[in-house]
């Protein structure tokens, strides 16, 4: 295919001429082609499985793409056409060898091509899109309220993680970053935009609010990134995302990254990506060879004690439950028996959530008890265990909960506690996720439980953690409408979860032991598998 290029005088990088590829990019019925062969792959689900549920090597998607050949992958960052200061910053951090998703996408993104990338959570997608964004903006300066690059993400935690990951490299190029999320001062965020920010990392709801206030415009954005696009679709953000993309100049570069490329992602690809280079170089999140999956069948009366013994292990663990109320109950119980635990859910203010994550990362707490609000956007080094105290109701939730471990080539274990009445539903869940898990019947104190999870009996000495102040969220005066960021407290329906806008204080530091009677006892974590209910 003949394609014309022009050189961006400010960045020095070649950019594809959009007019030369628009007609090809709108073709219908063609298939995504994989990096390895360029030939269409088999339909999803037809690949051979082995061991821990390995994925098909190639996959066919429904969204149309063009057939322009991609640039070859690189083996080191030094091979890339990036500013010397950026390469020096990478080298100073010891980052010299790119992960597969970075090696495949960076040459094409730096050349100005639109990119559609699938890589499992923890595979290095942040630098895969972040480095091209920064390199393209080297030497440029944003006018007040007019950013030059936009990174859209589904959750507050992911926005902050992306900002933290890119900050040292932005500083090396003297580029300014602004993070726009709900639950934090909209006034300070507006001030950052008025001072000028080349790169904005935002959740859809908050940047929409700032645009409506007149504090942000997108008509000078030259590079747009959608990170975790499938999650934004699942959370009901697509209408907001498309409204924002319609305000971005159509000639700009688009980079879309996701753990899965299915469902509503097709709409985004057809409408907003032009002649995209497609890379699907990593298996889905549940099929990582360094990740083990275990289903532990427990009796109703043993579930709470089993969860407590796992939490008392030596080392950090994230424990997922269905609801924020169940999270608070389990956290209170763990503190009462000597486990350094803290809760994370959508009922906490963003400042409280930030402090909880900081305590977890620096080791002040060893157990993070959370709803699905922690299933994405949280990276903790050397986290080797994730426990589904309550099995999730959706296979994507399972994959992304598990994706908190076995990140960046490390090993990890995902454990799911399964009550007798949940077995059939969990079996369907694992089949939908494409995972073959090891199954065991477990009793508290069993040697097998200790072997799999490191479980042990807690000390029984109550733990007292410094309390976190209950900080009120922003009211009507901050946005004109009193809206919170849509990144918290929304389900697939797009409706705000009950109680998501109310502040919550830390649970008491000591409390009576959680009842270990029936699995449906009101004082124990909710034991059933939900259908599609979410509460975060």
Protein backbone atom coordinates (compact mmCIF):
# COMPACT_ATOMS: atom_id res chain seq x y z
CA UNK A 1 0.00 0.00 0.00
CA UNK A 2 1.33 3.41 -0.94
CA UNK A 3 1.56 5.70 2.03
CA UNK A 4 2.89 9.23 2.24
CA UNK A 5 4.73 10.56 5.25
CA UNK A 6 5.64 13.96 6.56
CA UNK A 7 8.15 14.92 9.18
CA UNK A 8 6.95 16.67 12.31
CA UNK A 9 9.23 19.68 12.49
CA UNK A 10 8.98 19.90 16.26
CA UNK A 11 9.50 16.28 17.23
CA UNK A 12 11.63 15.09 14.33
CA UNK A 13 9.56 11.93 13.96
CA UNK A 14 7.73 10.78 10.86
CA UNK A 15 3.96 10.75 10.98
CA UNK A 16 1.63 8.92 8.66
CA UNK A 17 -0.51 11.11 6.41
CA UNK A 18 -4.04 10.43 7.64
CA UNK A 19 -5.65 11.25 4.32
CA UNK A 20 -3.64 8.54 2.58
CA UNK A 21 -4.95 5.81 4.84
CA UNK A 22 -8.46 6.87 5.88
CA UNK A 23 -10.25 5.02 3.07
CA UNK A 24 -8.33 1.82 3.74
CA UNK A 25 -8.85 2.18 7.48
CA UNK A 26 -12.61 2.25 7.05
CA UNK A 27 -12.78 -1.05 5.18
CA UNK A 28 -15.08 -3.63 6.70
CA UNK A 29 -14.57 -7.31 7.27
CA UNK A 30 -10.78 -7.60 7.36
CA UNK A 31 -9.06 -9.29 10.29
CA UNK A 32 -6.48 -8.32 12.85
CA UNK A 33 -3.19 -9.93 11.93
CA UNK A 34 -0.66 -11.06 14.46
CA UNK A 35 2.89 -9.80 14.71
CA UNK A 36 4.39 -13.25 14.28
CA UNK A 37 3.15 -14.25 10.84
CA UNK A 38 0.90 -11.56 9.38
CA UNK A 39 -1.67 -14.27 8.59
CA UNK A 40 -5.14 -14.42 10.08
CA UNK A 41 -5.32 -16.65 13.15
CA UNK A 42 -7.97 -19.15 14.23
CA UNK A 43 -11.18 -18.08 15.87
CA UNK A 44 -11.05 -17.49 19.63
CA UNK A 45 -11.32 -20.61 21.67
CA UNK A 46 -9.95 -22.97 19.02
CA UNK A 47 -6.37 -22.90 20.20
CA UNK A 48 -4.74 -25.81 22.02
CA UNK A 49 -4.56 -25.57 25.80
CA UNK A 50 -2.03 -27.12 28.12
CA UNK A 51 -0.84 -26.88 31.68
CA UNK A 52 -2.23 -23.75 33.28
CA UNK A 53 -4.50 -22.92 30.39
CA UNK A 54 -2.16 -21.60 27.70
CA UNK A 55 -3.85 -19.40 25.10
CA UNK A 56 -4.02 -19.84 21.33
CA UNK A 57 -0.92 -18.45 19.67
CA UNK A 58 -2.99 -16.38 17.25
CA UNK A 59 -6.40 -14.85 17.56
CA UNK A 60 -8.94 -13.42 15.13
CA UNK A 61 -10.74 -10.23 16.06
CA UNK A 62 -13.79 -8.67 14.51
CA UNK A 63 -12.64 -5.07 14.10
CA UNK A 64 -11.32 -4.13 10.64
CA UNK A 65 -7.74 -3.06 10.08
CA UNK A 66 -5.56 -2.37 7.08
CA UNK A 67 -2.67 -4.44 5.86
CA UNK A 68 0.23 -1.97 5.97
CA UNK A 69 3.30 -3.85 7.17
CA UNK A 70 4.55 -2.88 10.64
CA UNK A 71 8.11 -1.93 11.41
CA UNK A 72 10.13 -4.78 12.94
CA UNK A 73 10.47 -5.16 16.69
CA UNK A 74 13.61 -4.01 18.49
CA UNK A 75 15.77 -5.75 21.05
CA UNK A 76 16.98 -2.75 23.04
CA UNK A 77 15.76 0.78 23.73
CA UNK A 78 19.01 2.11 22.26
CA UNK A 79 17.84 1.04 18.79
CA UNK A 80 14.87 3.42 18.95
CA UNK A 81 14.74 6.93 17.52
CA UNK A 82 14.16 8.69 20.84
CA UNK A 83 15.69 11.84 22.34
CA UNK A 84 19.08 11.26 23.93
CA UNK A 85 17.88 12.61 27.30
CA UNK A 86 15.04 10.09 27.30
CA UNK A 87 17.37 7.20 26.50
CA UNK A 88 19.74 8.39 29.23
CA UNK A 89 16.89 8.46 31.77
CA UNK A 90 15.91 4.90 30.84
CA UNK A 91 19.51 3.73 31.16
CA UNK A 92 19.89 5.47 34.53
CA UNK A 93 16.86 3.50 35.77
CA UNK A 94 18.38 0.27 34.48
CA UNK A 95 15.70 -0.04 31.80
CA UNK A 96 17.54 -1.30 28.74
CA UNK A 97 15.63 -4.31 27.38
CA UNK A 98 11.99 -3.75 26.37
CA UNK A 99 9.19 -6.15 27.23
CA UNK A 100 7.55 -7.84 24.20
CA UNK A 101 4.66 -5.37 23.92
CA UNK A 102 7.15 -2.49 24.05
CA UNK A 103 9.55 -4.04 21.55
CA UNK A 104 6.73 -4.58 19.07
CA UNK A 105 4.82 -1.30 19.37
CA UNK A 106 7.47 1.34 20.07
CA UNK A 107 9.03 1.52 16.57
CA UNK A 108 5.62 2.01 14.98
CA UNK A 109 4.30 4.44 17.60
CA UNK A 110 7.45 6.54 17.33
CA UNK A 111 6.96 6.63 13.55
CA UNK A 112 3.53 8.17 14.04
CA UNK A 113 1.40 5.11 13.28
CA UNK A 114 -1.82 4.41 15.16
CA UNK A 115 -1.34 1.34 17.35
CA UNK A 116 -3.78 -1.24 18.63
CA UNK A 117 -2.01 -3.30 21.28
CA UNK A 118 -3.12 -6.20 23.40
CA UNK A 119 -0.95 -7.10 26.32
CA UNK A 120 -1.86 -8.64 29.63
CA UNK A 121 -1.96 -6.47 32.71
CA UNK A 122 1.55 -5.97 34.06
CA UNK A 123 3.13 -6.54 30.65
CA UNK A 124 4.64 -3.06 30.30
CA UNK A 125 1.93 -1.21 28.38
CA UNK A 126 2.56 2.06 30.24
CA UNK A 127 5.99 2.62 28.71
CA UNK A 128 4.74 1.21 25.41
CA UNK A 129 2.50 4.23 25.01
CA UNK A 130 4.21 6.65 27.40
CA UNK A 131 7.60 6.78 25.72
CA UNK A 132 6.22 7.63 22.25
CA UNK A 133 4.00 10.32 23.76
CA UNK A 134 6.94 11.97 25.53
CA UNK A 135 9.28 11.58 22.56
CA UNK A 136 6.74 13.16 20.20
CA UNK A 137 6.36 16.18 22.51
CA UNK A 138 10.07 16.78 23.10
CA UNK A 139 10.78 20.49 22.73
CA UNK A 140 7.12 21.54 22.61
CA UNK A 141 5.27 23.70 25.11
CA UNK A 142 1.56 23.68 25.89
CA UNK A 143 -0.54 26.81 26.10
CA UNK A 144 -2.70 27.28 29.21
CA UNK A 145 -5.69 24.90 29.27
CA UNK A 146 -4.57 23.27 26.00
CA UNK A 147 -2.69 19.97 26.56
CA UNK A 148 -0.82 18.36 23.69
CA UNK A 149 -1.37 14.73 24.69
CA UNK A 150 -4.27 12.97 26.40
CA UNK A 151 -4.12 9.63 28.22
CA UNK A 152 -7.56 8.28 29.18
CA UNK A 153 -7.78 5.56 31.83
CA UNK A 154 -10.76 3.98 33.63
CA UNK A 155 -9.79 4.42 37.29
CA UNK A 156 -8.18 6.93 39.63
CA UNK A 157 -5.58 4.44 40.81
CA UNK A 158 -4.50 3.65 37.26
CA UNK A 159 -4.26 7.36 36.42
CA UNK A 160 -1.96 7.93 39.36
CA UNK A 161 0.12 4.86 38.54
CA UNK A 162 0.58 6.00 34.94
CA UNK A 163 1.63 9.47 36.12
CA UNK A 164 4.14 8.03 38.58
CA UNK A 165 5.60 5.72 35.93
CA UNK A 166 6.06 8.52 33.38
CA UNK A 167 7.11 11.32 35.74
CA UNK A 168 10.90 10.69 35.74
CA UNK A 169 11.01 10.52 31.95
CA UNK A 170 8.83 13.61 31.57
CA UNK A 171 11.20 15.47 33.88
CA UNK A 172 14.14 14.43 31.71
CA UNK A 173 12.48 16.20 28.76
CA UNK A 174 11.12 19.07 30.89
CA UNK A 175 7.54 18.12 30.04
CA UNK A 176 4.72 18.79 32.49
CA UNK A 177 2.19 16.14 33.56
CA UNK A 178 -1.25 16.75 35.05
CA UNK A 179 -3.46 14.07 36.64
CA UNK A 180 -7.19 14.72 36.46
CA UNK A 181 -9.29 12.38 38.61
CA UNK A 182 -12.35 12.56 40.82
CA UNK A 183 -12.18 12.60 44.59
CA UNK A 184 -9.41 15.19 44.52
CA UNK A 185 -9.52 18.99 44.36
CA UNK A 186 -10.87 20.05 40.99
CA UNK A 187 -9.61 23.54 41.73
CA UNK A 188 -6.00 22.37 41.97
CA UNK A 189 -6.40 20.37 38.77
CA UNK A 190 -7.83 23.41 36.97
CA UNK A 191 -4.88 25.43 38.25
CA UNK A 192 -2.44 22.87 36.85
CA UNK A 193 -4.12 23.15 33.46
CA UNK A 194 -4.03 26.94 33.55
CA UNK A 195 -0.30 26.77 34.27
CA UNK A 196 0.20 24.57 31.22
CA UNK A 197 0.60 20.79 30.99
CA UNK A 198 1.87 19.01 27.92
CA UNK A 199 0.47 15.61 28.98
CA UNK A 200 -2.83 15.03 30.75
CA UNK A 201 -3.65 11.67 32.37
CA UNK A 202 -7.34 11.59 33.16
CA UNK A 203 -10.45 9.61 33.94
CA UNK A 204 -13.28 10.39 31.51
CA UNK A 205 -15.67 11.93 34.05
CA UNK A 206 -13.23 14.41 35.56
CA UNK A 207 -11.81 15.76 32.32
CA UNK A 208 -15.35 16.12 31.00
CA UNK A 209 -16.16 18.25 34.06
CA UNK A 210 -13.09 20.43 33.49
CA UNK A 211 -13.95 20.91 29.83
CA UNK A 212 -17.48 21.97 30.74
CA UNK A 213 -16.04 24.48 33.24
CA UNK A 214 -13.89 25.98 30.49
CA UNK A 215 -10.65 24.85 32.16
CA UNK A 216 -9.54 22.44 29.42
CA UNK A 217 -9.66 22.22 25.63
CA UNK A 218 -8.63 19.26 23.47
CA UNK A 219 -8.25 21.00 20.09
CA UNK A 220 -4.43 20.96 20.28
CA UNK A 221 -4.04 17.31 21.30
CA UNK A 222 -1.76 15.51 18.84
CA UNK A 223 -1.48 12.12 20.60
CA UNK A 224 -4.36 10.34 22.32
CA UNK A 225 -4.00 7.15 24.37
CA UNK A 226 -6.76 4.84 25.58
CA UNK A 227 -5.36 2.57 28.29
CA UNK A 228 -7.40 -0.40 29.54
CA UNK A 229 -9.99 0.33 26.90
CA UNK A 230 -11.95 -2.85 27.65
CA UNK A 231 -12.41 -1.75 31.25
CA UNK A 232 -13.72 1.63 30.15
CA UNK A 233 -16.25 -0.18 27.97
CA UNK A 234 -17.22 -2.53 30.81
CA UNK A 235 -17.72 0.41 33.20
CA UNK A 236 -20.08 2.17 30.81
CA UNK A 237 -17.66 4.97 29.86
CA UNK A 238 -17.87 4.60 26.07
CA UNK A 239 -20.31 7.50 25.57
CA UNK A 240 -17.99 9.81 27.51
CA UNK A 241 -14.91 8.46 25.73
CA UNK A 242 -16.39 8.97 22.27
CA UNK A 243 -17.54 12.49 23.21
CA UNK A 244 -13.96 13.31 24.23
CA UNK A 245 -12.41 11.72 21.14
CA UNK A 246 -14.73 13.75 18.94
CA UNK A 247 -13.11 16.90 20.38
CA UNK A 248 -9.59 15.74 19.51
CA UNK A 249 -8.26 16.66 16.03
CA UNK A 250 -8.88 13.72 13.69
CA UNK A 251 -5.37 13.97 12.22
CA UNK A 252 -3.80 13.12 15.58
CA UNK A 253 -2.17 9.85 16.53
CA UNK A 254 -4.21 7.28 18.47
CA UNK A 255 -2.75 4.52 20.67
CA UNK A 256 -5.21 2.00 22.12
CA UNK A 257 -4.00 -0.59 24.63
CA UNK A 258 -6.08 -3.22 26.34
CA UNK A 259 -5.81 -6.61 27.99
CA UNK A 260 -8.56 -7.85 25.63
CA UNK A 261 -9.65 -6.67 22.21
CA UNK A 262 -13.28 -7.64 21.92
CA UNK A 263 -16.83 -6.38 22.27
CA UNK A 264 -17.23 -2.62 22.15
CA UNK A 265 -13.53 -2.07 21.42
CA UNK A 266 -14.45 -2.75 17.78
CA UNK A 267 -16.48 0.47 17.72
CA UNK A 268 -13.55 2.54 18.92
CA UNK A 269 -11.17 0.95 16.42
CA UNK A 270 -13.44 1.43 13.40
CA UNK A 271 -14.33 5.00 14.29
CA UNK A 272 -11.13 6.48 15.63
CA UNK A 273 -8.07 4.48 14.52
CA UNK A 274 -6.65 4.93 11.04
CA UNK A 275 -4.55 2.15 9.48
CA UNK A 276 -3.53 0.85 12.93
CA UNK A 277 -0.61 -1.44 13.49
CA UNK A 278 -1.92 -4.38 15.51
CA UNK A 279 0.15 -6.22 18.08
CA UNK A 280 -1.09 -9.09 20.21
CA UNK A 281 2.12 -10.38 21.64
CA UNK A 282 1.20 -11.54 25.14
CA UNK A 283 -1.27 -14.18 26.32
CA UNK A 284 -4.36 -13.03 28.23
CA UNK A 285 -3.90 -12.23 31.91
CA UNK A 286 -4.95 -15.65 33.12
CA UNK A 287 -2.59 -17.61 30.89
CA UNK A 288 0.75 -16.44 32.21
CA UNK A 289 3.17 -19.31 32.66
CA UNK A 290 4.55 -17.78 35.87
CA UNK A 291 1.08 -17.69 37.48
CA UNK A 292 -0.50 -20.61 39.33
CA UNK A 293 -4.27 -20.90 39.84
CA UNK A 294 -5.84 -22.83 42.72
CA UNK A 295 -9.47 -23.50 43.62
CA UNK A 296 -9.72 -24.33 47.32
CA UNK A 297 -13.01 -26.02 48.17
CA UNK A 298 -13.96 -25.16 51.75
CA UNK A 299 -16.97 -25.82 53.96
CA UNK A 300 -19.22 -22.90 54.84
CA UNK A 301 -18.13 -22.92 58.47
CA UNK A 302 -14.42 -23.01 57.57
CA UNK A 303 -14.28 -20.12 55.12
CA UNK A 304 -13.59 -17.29 57.58
CA UNK A 305 -10.91 -19.22 59.47
CA UNK A 306 -9.26 -20.25 56.21
CA UNK A 307 -9.17 -16.66 54.98
CA UNK A 308 -7.76 -15.51 58.32
CA UNK A 309 -4.94 -18.08 58.26
CA UNK A 310 -4.01 -17.07 54.71
CA UNK A 311 -3.97 -13.40 55.72
CA UNK A 312 -1.59 -14.21 58.58
CA UNK A 313 1.05 -15.52 56.17
CA UNK A 314 4.53 -14.06 55.98
CA UNK A 315 4.33 -11.67 53.04
CA UNK A 316 1.89 -9.36 51.31
CA UNK A 317 -1.44 -10.44 49.88
CA UNK A 318 -4.46 -8.81 48.27
CA UNK A 319 -7.80 -10.32 49.27
CA UNK A 320 -10.86 -9.55 47.12
CA UNK A 321 -14.47 -9.56 48.31
CA UNK A 322 -17.75 -8.60 46.65
CA UNK A 323 -18.86 -5.61 48.68
CA UNK A 324 -17.35 -2.77 50.65
CA UNK A 325 -19.30 -3.88 53.74
CA UNK A 326 -17.75 -7.35 53.56
CA UNK A 327 -14.34 -5.72 53.07
CA UNK A 328 -14.76 -3.59 56.21
CA UNK A 329 -15.95 -6.59 58.26
CA UNK A 330 -13.02 -8.77 57.27
CA UNK A 331 -10.52 -5.94 57.80
CA UNK A 332 -11.85 -5.30 61.30
CA UNK A 333 -11.62 -8.99 62.13
CA UNK A 334 -8.06 -9.34 60.82
CA UNK A 335 -6.90 -6.38 62.90
CA UNK A 336 -8.49 -7.95 65.97
CA UNK A 337 -6.48 -11.17 65.60
CA UNK A 338 -3.10 -9.58 64.91
CA UNK A 339 -2.97 -9.11 61.11
CA UNK A 340 -1.84 -5.75 59.71
CA UNK A 341 -4.72 -5.19 57.28
CA UNK A 342 -6.43 -2.22 55.67
CA UNK A 343 -9.48 -1.79 53.46
CA UNK A 344 -9.70 -0.34 49.95
CA UNK A 345 -13.04 0.32 48.27
CA UNK A 346 -15.10 3.03 46.60
CA UNK A 347 -16.57 4.20 49.90
CA UNK A 348 -13.23 5.73 50.89
CA UNK A 349 -12.11 9.17 49.81
CA UNK A 350 -9.34 9.27 47.24
CA UNK A 351 -6.89 10.59 49.83
CA UNK A 352 -7.68 7.64 52.12
CA UNK A 353 -7.24 5.21 49.24
CA UNK A 354 -3.89 6.77 48.34
CA UNK A 355 -2.62 6.48 51.92
CA UNK A 356 -3.79 2.87 52.16
CA UNK A 357 -1.91 1.96 48.99
CA UNK A 358 1.20 3.77 50.21
CA UNK A 359 1.10 1.81 53.49
CA UNK A 360 0.69 -1.44 51.58
CA UNK A 361 3.58 -0.69 49.24
CA UNK A 362 5.98 0.32 52.02
CA UNK A 363 5.07 -2.68 54.20
CA UNK A 364 3.20 -0.96 57.03
CA UNK A 365 0.29 -3.23 56.20
CA UNK A 366 0.64 -6.71 54.75
CA UNK A 367 -2.95 -7.44 53.74
CA UNK A 368 -4.97 -5.26 51.40
CA UNK A 369 -8.65 -6.20 51.64
CA UNK A 370 -10.43 -4.80 48.62
CA UNK A 371 -13.33 -4.76 46.20
CA UNK A 372 -12.83 -4.66 42.44
CA UNK A 373 -11.63 -1.06 42.78
CA UNK A 374 -8.19 -2.65 43.31
CA UNK A 375 -8.47 -5.06 40.38
CA UNK A 376 -6.79 -2.66 37.96
CA UNK A 377 -4.28 0.14 38.15
CA UNK A 378 -2.41 -1.14 41.19
CA UNK A 379 1.17 -2.31 40.86
CA UNK A 380 3.07 -3.58 43.89
CA UNK A 381 6.51 -5.12 43.49
CA UNK A 382 7.00 -8.68 44.73
CA UNK A 383 3.32 -9.36 45.36
CA UNK A 384 3.08 -13.13 44.96
CA UNK A 385 -0.44 -13.96 46.19
CA UNK A 386 -3.96 -12.83 45.32
CA UNK A 387 -6.93 -14.42 47.10
CA UNK A 388 -10.54 -14.32 45.91
CA UNK A 389 -12.30 -14.68 49.24
CA UNK A 390 -15.47 -14.14 47.22
CA UNK A 391 -15.20 -15.49 43.66
CA UNK A 392 -15.87 -12.77 41.09
CA UNK A 393 -19.01 -12.92 38.98
CA UNK A 394 -17.23 -12.19 35.69
CA UNK A 395 -14.23 -13.89 34.09
CA UNK A 396 -12.66 -10.55 33.16
CA UNK A 397 -12.77 -9.53 36.80
CA UNK A 398 -11.01 -12.79 37.66
CA UNK A 399 -8.26 -12.12 35.13
CA UNK A 400 -7.67 -8.57 36.29
CA UNK A 401 -7.76 -9.43 39.99
CA UNK A 402 -5.15 -12.10 39.30
CA UNK A 403 -3.17 -9.63 37.21
CA UNK A 404 -2.05 -7.87 40.40
CA UNK A 405 0.49 -10.69 40.78
CA UNK A 406 2.95 -12.29 38.32
CA UNK A 407 3.72 -8.87 36.87
CA UNK A 408 6.74 -8.00 34.74
CA UNK A 409 7.97 -11.58 34.60
CA UNK A 410 7.64 -12.35 38.31
CA UNK A 411 5.82 -15.45 39.57
CA UNK A 412 2.58 -15.45 41.51
CA UNK A 413 -0.38 -17.47 42.77
CA UNK A 414 -4.11 -16.82 42.53
CA UNK A 415 -6.29 -18.64 45.06
CA UNK A 416 -10.09 -18.75 45.05
CA UNK A 417 -12.11 -19.99 48.03
CA UNK A 418 -15.10 -21.98 46.81
CA UNK A 419 -18.10 -22.97 48.93
CA UNK A 420 -20.13 -26.08 48.03
CA UNK A 421 -22.97 -24.13 46.41
CA UNK A 422 -20.50 -22.08 44.32
CA UNK A 423 -18.67 -24.93 42.61
CA UNK A 424 -20.71 -25.07 39.41
CA UNK A 425 -20.63 -21.29 38.92
CA UNK A 426 -16.88 -21.14 39.56
CA UNK A 427 -16.25 -23.97 37.09
CA UNK A 428 -18.10 -21.94 34.43
CA UNK A 429 -16.11 -18.86 35.42
CA UNK A 430 -12.79 -20.65 34.93
CA UNK A 431 -13.93 -22.07 31.59
CA UNK A 432 -14.86 -18.57 30.40
CA UNK A 433 -11.46 -17.30 31.54
CA UNK A 434 -9.69 -20.14 29.70
CA UNK A 435 -7.91 -21.32 32.82
CA UNK A 436 -7.17 -24.80 34.09
CA UNK A 437 -6.75 -24.50 37.86
CA UNK A 438 -5.57 -27.00 40.43
CA UNK A 439 -8.34 -28.02 42.82
CA UNK A 440 -8.06 -29.13 46.45
CA UNK A 441 -10.36 -29.69 49.41
CA UNK A 442 -9.03 -27.65 52.30
CA UNK A 443 -9.57 -27.46 56.06
CA UNK A 444 -8.08 -24.77 58.31
CA UNK A 445 -4.62 -25.72 59.55
CA UNK A 446 -4.07 -28.20 56.71
CA UNK A 447 -0.53 -28.71 55.43
CA UNK A 448 -1.77 -28.29 51.84
CA UNK A 449 -3.17 -24.85 52.69
CA UNK A 450 0.20 -23.83 54.12
CA UNK A 451 2.04 -25.22 51.07
CA UNK A 452 -0.10 -23.30 48.58
CA UNK A 453 -0.51 -20.00 50.43
CA UNK A 454 1.90 -19.92 53.38
CA UNK A 455 -1.10 -19.83 55.75
CA UNK A 456 -0.48 -19.88 59.47
CA UNK A 457 -2.29 -19.20 62.74
CA UNK A 458 -2.46 -15.46 63.58
CA UNK A 459 -0.91 -14.14 66.75
CA UNK A 460 -4.23 -13.12 68.30
CA UNK A 461 -2.74 -9.85 69.57
CA UNK A 462 -4.91 -6.99 68.28
CA UNK A 463 -3.24 -4.52 65.93
CA UNK A 464 -3.73 -0.78 66.21
CA UNK A 465 -2.99 1.21 63.08
CA UNK A 466 -2.84 5.02 62.93
CA UNK A 467 -6.36 6.11 61.96
CA UNK A 468 -7.02 7.78 58.65
CA UNK A 469 -9.16 10.92 58.84
CA UNK A 470 -12.49 10.81 57.07
CA UNK A 471 -12.10 13.48 54.43
CA UNK A 472 -15.29 14.75 52.79
CA UNK A 473 -15.53 14.48 49.05
CA UNK A 474 -16.06 17.49 46.87
CA UNK A 475 -19.56 18.89 46.88
CA UNK A 476 -21.60 20.84 44.41
CA UNK A 477 -19.42 23.90 44.59
CA UNK A 478 -16.42 22.16 43.02
CA UNK A 479 -17.91 21.08 39.71
CA UNK A 480 -21.16 22.98 39.47
CA UNK A 481 -23.04 19.68 39.44
CA UNK A 482 -21.56 17.80 42.35
CA UNK A 483 -20.40 14.98 40.10
CA UNK A 484 -17.70 12.63 41.26
CA UNK A 485 -15.33 10.98 38.83
CA UNK A 486 -17.08 8.16 37.02
CA UNK A 487 -14.02 6.05 37.72
CA UNK A 488 -15.36 5.07 41.14
CA UNK A 489 -18.66 3.62 42.13
CA UNK A 490 -19.92 2.61 38.68
CA UNK A 491 -20.92 -0.73 37.34
CA UNK A 492 -21.51 -1.87 33.79
CA UNK A 493 -24.83 -0.08 33.75
CA UNK A 494 -23.03 3.23 34.22
CA UNK A 495 -25.06 4.03 37.35
CA UNK A 496 -23.35 5.23 40.49
CA UNK A 497 -23.06 2.52 43.12
CA UNK A 498 -25.09 2.99 46.27
CA UNK A 499 -23.10 4.89 48.87
CA UNK A 500 -20.16 5.57 46.56
CA UNK A 501 -20.24 9.29 47.25
CA UNK A 502 -20.21 9.07 51.05
CA UNK A 503 -16.99 9.39 53.05
CA UNK A 504 -16.00 6.54 55.30
CA UNK A 505 -13.62 6.47 58.23
CA UNK A 506 -11.18 3.67 58.99
CA UNK A 507 -12.85 0.70 60.67
CA UNK A 508 -12.23 0.30 64.40
CA UNK A 509 -8.81 -1.15 65.11
CA UNK A 510 -10.19 -3.95 67.26
CA UNK A 511 -13.43 -5.91 67.12
CA UNK A 512 -14.97 -9.22 67.99
CA UNK A 513 -13.96 -12.22 65.92
CA UNK A 514 -15.99 -12.72 62.77
CA UNK A 515 -18.50 -15.51 63.19
CA UNK A 516 -17.45 -18.81 61.60
CA UNK A 517 -20.88 -20.39 61.57
CA UNK A 518 -22.88 -20.63 58.37
CA UNK A 519 -21.36 -19.08 55.26
CA UNK A 520 -24.44 -16.87 55.11
CA UNK A 521 -23.97 -15.48 58.60
CA UNK A 522 -24.43 -11.72 58.45
CA UNK A 523 -21.13 -11.09 60.24
CA UNK A 524 -18.98 -12.97 57.74
CA UNK A 525 -17.84 -11.94 54.26
CA UNK A 526 -20.55 -12.52 51.67
CA UNK A 527 -19.98 -16.08 50.45
CA UNK A 528 -22.03 -16.37 47.28
CA UNK A 529 -20.99 -15.84 43.66
CA UNK A 530 -22.77 -12.73 42.35
CA UNK A 531 -24.31 -12.48 38.93
CA UNK A 532 -23.32 -9.06 37.64
CA UNK A 533 -23.50 -7.00 40.80
CA UNK A 534 -20.57 -4.72 41.48
CA UNK A 535 -19.80 -2.61 44.46
CA UNK A 536 -16.52 -0.79 44.61
